[in-house]
PDB file of N, CA and C in Angstrom:
ATOM      1  N   MET A   1    -110.267-149.356  14.950  1.00  0.00           N
ATOM      2  CA  MET A   1    -109.753-148.892  13.675  1.00  0.00           C
ATOM      3  C   MET A   1    -109.101-147.518  13.858  1.00  0.00           C
ATOM      4  N   THR A   2    -107.949-147.321  13.267  1.00  0.00           N
ATOM      5  CA  THR A   2    -107.231-146.059  13.357  1.00  0.00           C
ATOM      6  C   THR A   2    -107.910-145.005  12.493  1.00  0.00           C
ATOM      7  N   LYS A   3    -108.140-143.820  13.082  1.00  0.00           N
ATOM      8  CA  LYS A   3    -108.749-142.716  12.331  1.00  0.00           C
ATOM      9  C   LYS A   3    -107.687-142.077  11.447  1.00  0.00           C
ATOM     10  N   LYS A   4    -108.034-141.889  10.172  1.00  0.00           N
ATOM     11  CA  LYS A   4    -107.095-141.291   9.222  1.00  0.00           C
ATOM     12  C   LYS A   4    -106.910-139.800   9.499  1.00  0.00           C
ATOM     13  N   LEU A   5    -105.678-139.322   9.317  1.00  0.00           N
ATOM     14  CA  LEU A   5    -105.378-137.899   9.451  1.00  0.00           C
ATOM     15  C   LEU A   5    -105.708-137.133   8.175  1.00  0.00           C
ATOM     16  N   ILE A   6    -105.508-137.777   7.020  1.00  0.00           N
ATOM     17  CA  ILE A   6    -105.794-137.131   5.742  1.00  0.00           C
ATOM     18  C   ILE A   6    -107.295-137.241   5.472  1.00  0.00           C
ATOM     19  N   THR A   7    -107.934-136.091   5.312  1.00  0.00           N
ATOM     20  CA  THR A   7    -109.370-136.055   5.050  1.00  0.00           C
ATOM     21  C   THR A   7    -109.658-136.679   3.689  1.00  0.00           C
ATOM     22  N   PRO A   8    -110.648-137.583   3.628  1.00  0.00           N
ATOM     23  CA  PRO A   8    -110.999-138.170   2.325  1.00  0.00           C
ATOM     24  C   PRO A   8    -111.402-137.078   1.334  1.00  0.00           C
ATOM     25  N   TYR A   9    -111.082-137.290   0.084  1.00  0.00           N
ATOM     26  CA  TYR A   9    -111.367-136.315  -0.960  1.00  0.00           C
ATOM     27  C   TYR A   9    -112.279-136.944  -1.994  1.00  0.00           C
ATOM     28  N   MET A  10    -113.101-136.098  -2.617  1.00  0.00           N
ATOM     29  CA  MET A  10    -114.055-136.585  -3.612  1.00  0.00           C
ATOM     30  C   MET A  10    -113.438-136.632  -5.005  1.00  0.00           C
ATOM     31  N   SER A  11    -112.636-135.640  -5.328  1.00  0.00           N
ATOM     32  CA  SER A  11    -112.007-135.619  -6.646  1.00  0.00           C
ATOM     33  C   SER A  11    -110.700-134.838  -6.552  1.00  0.00           C
ATOM     34  N   THR A  12    -109.804-135.138  -7.465  1.00  0.00           N
ATOM     35  CA  THR A  12    -108.523-134.440  -7.518  1.00  0.00           C
ATOM     36  C   THR A  12    -108.141-134.213  -8.973  1.00  0.00           C
ATOM     37  N   ASP A  13    -107.194-133.335  -9.170  1.00  0.00           N
ATOM     38  CA  ASP A  13    -106.643-133.075 -10.493  1.00  0.00           C
ATOM     39  C   ASP A  13    -105.213-133.594 -10.487  1.00  0.00           C
ATOM     40  N   GLN A  14    -104.987-134.716 -11.127  1.00  0.00           N
ATOM     41  CA  GLN A  14    -103.676-135.352 -11.099  1.00  0.00           C
ATOM     42  C   GLN A  14    -102.623-134.614 -11.917  1.00  0.00           C
ATOM     43  N   LYS A  15    -102.995-133.464 -12.472  1.00  0.00           N
ATOM     44  CA  LYS A  15    -102.017-132.618 -13.156  1.00  0.00           C
ATOM     45  C   LYS A  15    -101.584-131.462 -12.258  1.00  0.00           C
ATOM     46  N   CYS A  16    -102.069-131.442 -11.025  1.00  0.00           N
ATOM     47  CA  CYS A  16    -101.783-130.365 -10.084  1.00  0.00           C
ATOM     48  C   CYS A  16    -100.948-130.924  -8.929  1.00  0.00           C
ATOM     49  N   LEU A  17     -99.788-130.340  -8.691  1.00  0.00           N
ATOM     50  CA  LEU A  17     -98.836-130.872  -7.719  1.00  0.00           C
ATOM     51  C   LEU A  17     -99.432-131.018  -6.326  1.00  0.00           C
ATOM     52  N   ASP A  18    -100.231-130.056  -5.871  1.00  0.00           N
ATOM     53  CA  ASP A  18    -100.787-130.176  -4.527  1.00  0.00           C
ATOM     54  C   ASP A  18    -101.757-131.347  -4.416  1.00  0.00           C
ATOM     55  N   ASP A  19    -102.520-131.633  -5.466  1.00  0.00           N
ATOM     56  CA  ASP A  19    -103.407-132.797  -5.447  1.00  0.00           C
ATOM     57  C   ASP A  19    -102.616-134.099  -5.506  1.00  0.00           C
ATOM     58  N   VAL A  20    -101.539-134.114  -6.279  1.00  0.00           N
ATOM     59  CA  VAL A  20    -100.679-135.303  -6.332  1.00  0.00           C
ATOM     60  C   VAL A  20    -100.113-135.583  -4.945  1.00  0.00           C
ATOM     61  N   LEU A  21     -99.624-134.544  -4.263  1.00  0.00           N
ATOM     62  CA  LEU A  21     -99.104-134.709  -2.901  1.00  0.00           C
ATOM     63  C   LEU A  21    -100.179-135.262  -1.969  1.00  0.00           C
ATOM     64  N   LEU A  22    -101.394-134.723  -2.068  1.00  0.00           N
ATOM     65  CA  LEU A  22    -102.498-135.177  -1.232  1.00  0.00           C
ATOM     66  C   LEU A  22    -102.787-136.658  -1.453  1.00  0.00           C
ATOM     67  N   CYS A  23    -102.890-137.070  -2.704  1.00  0.00           N
ATOM     68  CA  CYS A  23    -103.182-138.475  -3.016  1.00  0.00           C
ATOM     69  C   CYS A  23    -102.074-139.403  -2.532  1.00  0.00           C
ATOM     70  N   LEU A  24    -100.826-139.001  -2.750  1.00  0.00           N
ATOM     71  CA  LEU A  24     -99.706-139.830  -2.307  1.00  0.00           C
ATOM     72  C   LEU A  24     -99.660-139.922  -0.785  1.00  0.00           C
ATOM     73  N   ALA A  25     -99.884-138.805  -0.092  1.00  0.00           N
ATOM     74  CA  ALA A  25     -99.887-138.821   1.373  1.00  0.00           C
ATOM     75  C   ALA A  25    -100.993-139.731   1.898  1.00  0.00           C
ATOM     76  N   SER A  26    -102.152-139.686   1.271  1.00  0.00           N
ATOM     77  CA  SER A  26    -103.263-140.544   1.678  1.00  0.00           C
ATOM     78  C   SER A  26    -102.943-142.020   1.440  1.00  0.00           C
ATOM     79  N   THR A  27    -102.318-142.315   0.312  1.00  0.00           N
ATOM     80  CA  THR A  27    -101.934-143.692  -0.001  1.00  0.00           C
ATOM     81  C   THR A  27    -100.890-144.201   0.992  1.00  0.00           C
ATOM     82  N   ILE A  28     -99.933-143.348   1.339  1.00  0.00           N
ATOM     83  CA  ILE A  28     -98.919-143.731   2.330  1.00  0.00           C
ATOM     84  C   ILE A  28     -99.581-143.990   3.674  1.00  0.00           C
ATOM     85  N   GLU A  29    -100.542-143.149   4.052  1.00  0.00           N
ATOM     86  CA  GLU A  29    -101.250-143.370   5.312  1.00  0.00           C
ATOM     87  C   GLU A  29    -102.000-144.699   5.288  1.00  0.00           C
ATOM     88  N   ASP A  30    -102.645-145.021   4.179  1.00  0.00           N
ATOM     89  CA  ASP A  30    -103.328-146.314   4.062  1.00  0.00           C
ATOM     90  C   ASP A  30    -102.348-147.459   4.295  1.00  0.00           C
ATOM     91  N   GLY A  31    -101.156-147.346   3.716  1.00  0.00           N
ATOM     92  CA  GLY A  31    -100.141-148.379   3.896  1.00  0.00           C
ATOM     93  C   GLY A  31     -99.696-148.501   5.343  1.00  0.00           C
ATOM     94  N   LEU A  32     -99.500-147.370   6.012  1.00  0.00           N
ATOM     95  CA  LEU A  32     -99.102-147.401   7.423  1.00  0.00           C
ATOM     96  C   LEU A  32    -100.176-148.058   8.283  1.00  0.00           C
ATOM     97  N   ILE A  33    -101.432-147.699   8.035  1.00  0.00           N
ATOM     98  CA  ILE A  33    -102.535-148.289   8.800  1.00  0.00           C
ATOM     99  C   ILE A  33    -102.627-149.784   8.526  1.00  0.00           C
ATOM    100  N   SER A  34    -102.465-150.185   7.267  1.00  0.00           N
ATOM    101  CA  SER A  34    -102.488-151.614   6.923  1.00  0.00           C
ATOM    102  C   SER A  34    -101.369-152.376   7.622  1.00  0.00           C
ATOM    103  N   ALA A  35    -100.252-151.682   7.855  1.00  0.00           N
ATOM    104  CA  ALA A  35     -99.111-152.309   8.523  1.00  0.00           C
ATOM    105  C   ALA A  35     -99.249-152.289  10.044  1.00  0.00           C
ATOM    106  N   GLY A  36    -100.335-151.700  10.549  1.00  0.00           N
ATOM    107  CA  GLY A  36    -100.587-151.723  11.983  1.00  0.00           C
ATOM    108  C   GLY A  36    -100.291-150.433  12.721  1.00  0.00           C
ATOM    109  N   ALA A  37    -100.008-149.346  12.008  1.00  0.00           N
ATOM    110  CA  ALA A  37     -99.729-148.067  12.671  1.00  0.00           C
ATOM    111  C   ALA A  37    -100.956-147.600  13.446  1.00  0.00           C
ATOM    112  N   LYS A  38    -100.715-146.984  14.567  1.00  0.00           N
ATOM    113  CA  LYS A  38    -101.781-146.483  15.437  1.00  0.00           C
ATOM    114  C   LYS A  38    -101.746-144.961  15.489  1.00  0.00           C
ATOM    115  N   SER A  39    -102.845-144.370  15.957  1.00  0.00           N
ATOM    116  CA  SER A  39    -102.921-142.920  16.124  1.00  0.00           C
ATOM    117  C   SER A  39    -101.760-142.439  16.982  1.00  0.00           C
ATOM    118  N   GLY A  40    -101.146-141.341  16.567  1.00  0.00           N
ATOM    119  CA  GLY A  40    -100.040-140.761  17.313  1.00  0.00           C
ATOM    120  C   GLY A  40     -98.669-141.242  16.880  1.00  0.00           C
ATOM    121  N   GLU A  41     -98.609-142.273  16.046  1.00  0.00           N
ATOM    122  CA  GLU A  41     -97.318-142.785  15.583  1.00  0.00           C
ATOM    123  C   GLU A  41     -96.785-142.011  14.376  1.00  0.00           C
ATOM    124  N   TYR A  42     -97.620-141.173  13.774  1.00  0.00           N
ATOM    125  CA  TYR A  42     -97.197-140.357  12.637  1.00  0.00           C
ATOM    126  C   TYR A  42     -98.065-139.101  12.599  1.00  0.00           C
ATOM    127  N   THR A  43     -97.600-138.107  11.875  1.00  0.00           N
ATOM    128  CA  THR A  43     -98.322-136.838  11.739  1.00  0.00           C
ATOM    129  C   THR A  43     -98.633-136.578  10.265  1.00  0.00           C
ATOM    130  N   ARG A  44     -99.447-135.564  10.009  1.00  0.00           N
ATOM    131  CA  ARG A  44     -99.700-135.162   8.620  1.00  0.00           C
ATOM    132  C   ARG A  44     -98.401-134.747   7.944  1.00  0.00           C
ATOM    133  N   LEU A  45     -97.567-134.035   8.694  1.00  0.00           N
ATOM    134  CA  LEU A  45     -96.291-133.604   8.130  1.00  0.00           C
ATOM    135  C   LEU A  45     -95.431-134.805   7.746  1.00  0.00           C
ATOM    136  N   ASP A  46     -95.436-135.857   8.571  1.00  0.00           N
ATOM    137  CA  ASP A  46     -94.709-137.087   8.222  1.00  0.00           C
ATOM    138  C   ASP A  46     -95.200-137.634   6.885  1.00  0.00           C
ATOM    139  N   LEU A  47     -96.514-137.660   6.709  1.00  0.00           N
ATOM    140  CA  LEU A  47     -97.092-138.216   5.487  1.00  0.00           C
ATOM    141  C   LEU A  47     -96.696-137.404   4.262  1.00  0.00           C
ATOM    142  N   PHE A  48     -96.755-136.080   4.378  1.00  0.00           N
ATOM    143  CA  PHE A  48     -96.374-135.239   3.245  1.00  0.00           C
ATOM    144  C   PHE A  48     -94.874-135.294   2.988  1.00  0.00           C
ATOM    145  N   ALA A  49     -94.074-135.418   4.044  1.00  0.00           N
ATOM    146  CA  ALA A  49     -92.622-135.548   3.859  1.00  0.00           C
ATOM    147  C   ALA A  49     -92.290-136.851   3.139  1.00  0.00           C
ATOM    148  N   LEU A  50     -93.007-137.913   3.450  1.00  0.00           N
ATOM    149  CA  LEU A  50     -92.796-139.189   2.761  1.00  0.00           C
ATOM    150  C   LEU A  50     -93.297-139.134   1.320  1.00  0.00           C
ATOM    151  N   ALA A  51     -94.351-138.370   1.077  1.00  0.00           N
ATOM    152  CA  ALA A  51     -94.926-138.270  -0.271  1.00  0.00           C
ATOM    153  C   ALA A  51     -94.109-137.370  -1.194  1.00  0.00           C
ATOM    154  N   ALA A  52     -93.411-136.392  -0.632  1.00  0.00           N
ATOM    155  CA  ALA A  52     -92.723-135.378  -1.438  1.00  0.00           C
ATOM    156  C   ALA A  52     -91.759-135.951  -2.477  1.00  0.00           C
ATOM    157  N   PRO A  53     -90.880-136.907  -2.135  1.00  0.00           N
ATOM    158  CA  PRO A  53     -89.962-137.415  -3.164  1.00  0.00           C
ATOM    159  C   PRO A  53     -90.682-138.052  -4.352  1.00  0.00           C
ATOM    160  N   PHE A  54     -91.778-138.744  -4.088  1.00  0.00           N
ATOM    161  CA  PHE A  54     -92.545-139.364  -5.169  1.00  0.00           C
ATOM    162  C   PHE A  54     -93.195-138.292  -6.044  1.00  0.00           C
ATOM    163  N   ALA A  55     -93.802-137.282  -5.405  1.00  0.00           N
ATOM    164  CA  ALA A  55     -94.452-136.207  -6.157  1.00  0.00           C
ATOM    165  C   ALA A  55     -93.428-135.432  -6.985  1.00  0.00           C
ATOM    166  N   LEU A  56     -92.272-135.151  -6.404  1.00  0.00           N
ATOM    167  CA  LEU A  56     -91.250-134.407  -7.138  1.00  0.00           C
ATOM    168  C   LEU A  56     -90.687-135.210  -8.298  1.00  0.00           C
ATOM    169  N   SER A  57     -90.575-136.525  -8.131  1.00  0.00           N
ATOM    170  CA  SER A  57     -90.092-137.342  -9.252  1.00  0.00           C
ATOM    171  C   SER A  57     -91.095-137.310 -10.398  1.00  0.00           C
ATOM    172  N   MET A  58     -92.387-137.271 -10.070  1.00  0.00           N
ATOM    173  CA  MET A  58     -93.409-137.144 -11.106  1.00  0.00           C
ATOM    174  C   MET A  58     -93.332-135.762 -11.743  1.00  0.00           C
ATOM    175  N   PHE A  59     -93.178-134.730 -10.928  1.00  0.00           N
ATOM    176  CA  PHE A  59     -93.120-133.350 -11.404  1.00  0.00           C
ATOM    177  C   PHE A  59     -91.914-133.134 -12.317  1.00  0.00           C
ATOM    178  N   ASN A  60     -90.806-133.793 -12.016  1.00  0.00           N
ATOM    179  CA  ASN A  60     -89.576-133.631 -12.799  1.00  0.00           C
ATOM    180  C   ASN A  60     -89.523-134.504 -14.049  1.00  0.00           C
ATOM    181  N   ASN A  61     -90.465-135.426 -14.199  1.00  0.00           N
ATOM    182  CA  ASN A  61     -90.510-136.299 -15.368  1.00  0.00           C
ATOM    183  C   ASN A  61     -91.096-135.516 -16.547  1.00  0.00           C
ATOM    184  N   PRO A  62     -90.321-135.333 -17.627  1.00  0.00           N
ATOM    185  CA  PRO A  62     -90.825-134.541 -18.756  1.00  0.00           C
ATOM    186  C   PRO A  62     -92.067-135.138 -19.422  1.00  0.00           C
ATOM    187  N   GLU A  63     -92.301-136.430 -19.240  1.00  0.00           N
ATOM    188  CA  GLU A  63     -93.479-137.066 -19.839  1.00  0.00           C
ATOM    189  C   GLU A  63     -94.725-136.879 -18.985  1.00  0.00           C
ATOM    190  N   CYS A  64     -94.553-136.415 -17.764  1.00  0.00           N
ATOM    191  CA  CYS A  64     -95.676-136.236 -16.846  1.00  0.00           C
ATOM    192  C   CYS A  64     -96.100-134.770 -16.865  1.00  0.00           C
ATOM    193  N   ASP A  65     -97.374-134.526 -17.033  1.00  0.00           N
ATOM    194  CA  ASP A  65     -97.900-133.164 -17.157  1.00  0.00           C
ATOM    195  C   ASP A  65     -98.438-132.684 -15.808  1.00  0.00           C
ATOM    196  N   VAL A  66     -97.524-132.388 -14.863  1.00  0.00           N
ATOM    197  CA  VAL A  66     -97.918-131.916 -13.541  1.00  0.00           C
ATOM    198  C   VAL A  66     -97.501-130.458 -13.407  1.00  0.00           C
ATOM    199  N   SER A  67     -98.428-129.624 -12.936  1.00  0.00           N
ATOM    200  CA  SER A  67     -98.126-128.209 -12.730  1.00  0.00           C
ATOM    201  C   SER A  67     -98.363-127.862 -11.263  1.00  0.00           C
ATOM    202  N   TYR A  68     -98.207-126.608 -10.905  1.00  0.00           N
ATOM    203  CA  TYR A  68     -98.449-126.184  -9.532  1.00  0.00           C
ATOM    204  C   TYR A  68     -99.267-124.900  -9.538  1.00  0.00           C
ATOM    205  N   THR A  69     -99.976-124.673  -8.440  1.00  0.00           N
ATOM    206  CA  THR A  69    -100.872-123.537  -8.325  1.00  0.00           C
ATOM    207  C   THR A  69    -100.083-122.262  -8.064  1.00  0.00           C
ATOM    208  N   THR A  70    -100.400-121.213  -8.791  1.00  0.00           N
ATOM    209  CA  THR A  70     -99.760-119.917  -8.556  1.00  0.00           C
ATOM    210  C   THR A  70    -100.781-118.814  -8.347  1.00  0.00           C
ATOM    211  N   GLY A  71    -102.050-119.118  -8.455  1.00  0.00           N
ATOM    212  CA  GLY A  71    -103.075-118.076  -8.447  1.00  0.00           C
ATOM    213  C   GLY A  71    -103.952-118.039  -7.222  1.00  0.00           C
ATOM    214  N   TYR A  72    -103.377-118.171  -6.030  1.00  0.00           N
ATOM    215  CA  TYR A  72    -104.194-118.068  -4.826  1.00  0.00           C
ATOM    216  C   TYR A  72    -104.703-116.639  -4.666  1.00  0.00           C
ATOM    217  N   PRO A  73    -105.896-116.471  -4.119  1.00  0.00           N
ATOM    218  CA  PRO A  73    -106.405-115.117  -3.902  1.00  0.00           C
ATOM    219  C   PRO A  73    -105.531-114.358  -2.899  1.00  0.00           C
ATOM    220  N   HIS A  74    -105.568-113.044  -2.965  1.00  0.00           N
ATOM    221  CA  HIS A  74    -104.751-112.182  -2.112  1.00  0.00           C
ATOM    222  C   HIS A  74    -104.915-112.539  -0.630  1.00  0.00           C
ATOM    223  N   GLU A  75    -106.127-112.847  -0.188  1.00  0.00           N
ATOM    224  CA  GLU A  75    -106.398-113.148   1.222  1.00  0.00           C
ATOM    225  C   GLU A  75    -105.666-114.404   1.689  1.00  0.00           C
ATOM    226  N   HIS A  76    -105.312-115.267   0.760  1.00  0.00           N
ATOM    227  CA  HIS A  76    -104.674-116.536   1.104  1.00  0.00           C
ATOM    228  C   HIS A  76    -103.249-116.329   1.616  1.00  0.00           C
ATOM    229  N   HIS A  77    -102.594-115.289   1.150  1.00  0.00           N
ATOM    230  CA  HIS A  77    -101.191-115.058   1.485  1.00  0.00           C
ATOM    231  C   HIS A  77    -101.054-114.328   2.816  1.00  0.00           C
ATOM    232  N   VAL A  78    -100.002-114.646   3.548  1.00  0.00           N
ATOM    233  CA  VAL A  78     -99.651-113.921   4.764  1.00  0.00           C
ATOM    234  C   VAL A  78     -98.442-113.071   4.411  1.00  0.00           C
ATOM    235  N   PHE A  79     -98.594-111.773   4.533  1.00  0.00           N
ATOM    236  CA  PHE A  79     -97.521-110.868   4.139  1.00  0.00           C
ATOM    237  C   PHE A  79     -96.790-110.333   5.360  1.00  0.00           C
ATOM    238  N   CYS A  80     -95.501-110.080   5.198  1.00  0.00           N
ATOM    239  CA  CYS A  80     -94.669-109.491   6.242  1.00  0.00           C
ATOM    240  C   CYS A  80     -94.228-108.112   5.785  1.00  0.00           C
ATOM    241  N   ASP A  81     -93.855-107.275   6.745  1.00  0.00           N
ATOM    242  CA  ASP A  81     -93.265-105.996   6.359  1.00  0.00           C
ATOM    243  C   ASP A  81     -91.796-106.214   6.009  1.00  0.00           C
ATOM    244  N   GLU A  82     -91.073-105.147   5.728  1.00  0.00           N
ATOM    245  CA  GLU A  82     -89.681-105.274   5.298  1.00  0.00           C
ATOM    246  C   GLU A  82     -88.789-105.909   6.355  1.00  0.00           C
ATOM    247  N   ASP A  83     -89.184-105.827   7.631  1.00  0.00           N
ATOM    248  CA  ASP A  83     -88.401-106.422   8.715  1.00  0.00           C
ATOM    249  C   ASP A  83     -88.747-107.890   8.932  1.00  0.00           C
ATOM    250  N   GLY A  84     -89.662-108.427   8.133  1.00  0.00           N
ATOM    251  CA  GLY A  84     -90.069-109.823   8.272  1.00  0.00           C
ATOM    252  C   GLY A  84     -91.049-110.059   9.397  1.00  0.00           C
ATOM    253  N   LYS A  85     -91.734-108.983   9.842  1.00  0.00           N
ATOM    254  CA  LYS A  85     -92.694-109.112  10.952  1.00  0.00           C
ATOM    255  C   LYS A  85     -94.107-109.032  10.428  1.00  0.00           C
TER     256      LYS A  85
END
């Protein structure tokens, strides 16, 4: 059995864009595995790249209430100086 790259999750908030991306990427991975994909044939980045158009179409739908996170703690960010270093 192929080991999944996307870590299983216990709960998500389907109104949050990052959780929507996670769920879609996991669903796409399930489909690839069902179709016979093996370890090394795809990456996490591949899964998120495939999920992005679906998530963005949901985000852009005025009837869909999807938002995105803006309140990460200061430690979460990587800052550069004025020279970009």
